[in-house]
Amino acid sequence: IKEALEPSTLEIVNESHLHAHHAAMRGNTNPETHFNITIVSDKFAGKTMMQRHRLVYGLLNEELQNGIHALSLKTKTKEEIEKA
């Protein structure tokens, strides 16, 4: 993510412990399954939210295939953050 998006902000919060009791997680031995990720990057300029999320999912394809069950994404440009 760092290399591809050159983010000014990259925050990754592991929330797996909040979901360990869910039925879908029974028998799962991977302790890292749920993440909340905030990315601020000018590489998102001109892209819709769906395009941004697809880009991030593409970058994390290997991780998604190997145990990540859910991502919560916040994808913004610097300009969008400054306007907020």
Protein backbone atom coordinates (compact mmCIF):
# COMPACT_ATOMS: atom_id res chain seq x y z
CA ILE A 1 0.00 0.00 0.00
CA LYS A 2 2.78 2.41 0.92
CA GLU A 3 4.61 1.89 -2.35
CA ALA A 4 1.56 1.99 -4.63
CA LEU A 5 -0.42 4.78 -2.97
CA GLU A 6 2.27 6.90 -1.30
CA PRO A 7 -0.17 7.77 1.51
CA SER A 8 0.23 10.82 3.71
CA THR A 9 -1.78 8.88 6.30
CA LEU A 10 -2.01 5.13 6.71
CA GLU A 11 -3.77 3.87 9.83
CA ILE A 12 -4.40 0.16 10.28
CA VAL A 13 -6.39 -1.03 13.28
CA ASN A 14 -6.71 -4.75 13.95
CA GLU A 15 -10.28 -5.32 15.19
CA SER A 16 -10.14 -9.11 15.00
CA HIS A 17 -10.68 -9.54 18.73
CA LEU A 18 -14.09 -7.88 18.36
CA HIS A 19 -15.23 -10.58 15.94
CA ALA A 20 -13.63 -13.74 17.33
CA HIS A 21 -16.97 -14.98 18.70
CA HIS A 22 -18.79 -14.78 15.34
CA ALA A 23 -19.93 -18.05 13.82
CA ALA A 24 -17.87 -17.46 10.67
CA MET A 25 -14.71 -17.36 12.79
CA ARG A 26 -15.23 -20.74 14.50
CA GLY A 27 -12.28 -22.97 13.78
CA ASN A 28 -10.27 -20.13 12.30
CA THR A 29 -6.70 -20.19 13.58
CA ASN A 30 -5.68 -16.84 12.08
CA PRO A 31 -5.79 -14.17 14.81
CA GLU A 32 -5.80 -11.35 12.22
CA THR A 33 -9.07 -11.36 10.31
CA HIS A 34 -10.75 -7.94 10.64
CA PHE A 35 -9.14 -4.57 9.96
CA ASN A 36 -10.18 -0.92 9.88
CA ILE A 37 -7.93 0.95 7.44
CA THR A 38 -7.72 4.70 6.80
CA ILE A 39 -5.71 5.81 3.79
CA VAL A 40 -5.17 9.41 2.71
CA SER A 41 -3.55 9.54 -0.72
CA ASP A 42 -3.64 11.87 -3.69
CA LYS A 43 -3.60 8.71 -5.85
CA PHE A 44 -7.35 8.55 -5.08
CA ALA A 45 -8.02 11.87 -6.86
CA GLY A 46 -10.65 11.53 -9.57
CA LYS A 47 -11.66 8.05 -8.42
CA THR A 48 -15.04 7.05 -7.01
CA MET A 49 -15.24 5.36 -3.63
CA MET A 50 -15.83 2.03 -5.40
CA GLN A 51 -12.72 2.51 -7.56
CA ARG A 52 -10.66 3.41 -4.50
CA HIS A 53 -11.83 0.35 -2.60
CA ARG A 54 -11.20 -1.93 -5.58
CA LEU A 55 -7.68 -0.51 -5.81
CA VAL A 56 -6.99 -1.27 -2.14
CA TYR A 57 -8.56 -4.73 -2.39
CA GLY A 58 -6.34 -5.42 -5.40
CA LEU A 59 -3.25 -4.40 -3.45
CA LEU A 60 -4.27 -6.68 -0.57
CA ASN A 61 -5.35 -9.63 -2.72
CA GLU A 62 -2.79 -12.04 -1.25
CA GLU A 63 -3.75 -11.12 2.31
CA LEU A 64 -7.45 -11.48 1.48
CA GLN A 65 -6.79 -14.96 0.08
CA ASN A 66 -4.84 -15.95 3.21
CA GLY A 67 -7.03 -15.10 6.17
CA ILE A 68 -8.32 -11.54 6.15
CA HIS A 69 -12.08 -11.88 6.44
CA ALA A 70 -13.18 -8.22 6.48
CA LEU A 71 -11.88 -4.74 5.78
CA SER A 72 -13.47 -1.44 6.70
CA LEU A 73 -11.95 1.19 4.43
CA LYS A 74 -11.83 4.97 4.64
CA THR A 75 -10.14 6.28 1.48
CA LYS A 76 -9.67 10.02 1.05
CA THR A 77 -7.42 12.56 -0.67
CA LYS A 78 -5.59 15.27 1.29
CA GLU A 79 -7.97 17.83 -0.19
CA GLU A 80 -11.03 15.92 1.02
CA ILE A 81 -9.59 15.70 4.53
CA GLU A 82 -8.80 19.42 4.60
CA LYS A 83 -12.35 20.31 3.49
CA ALA A 84 -13.94 18.13 6.19
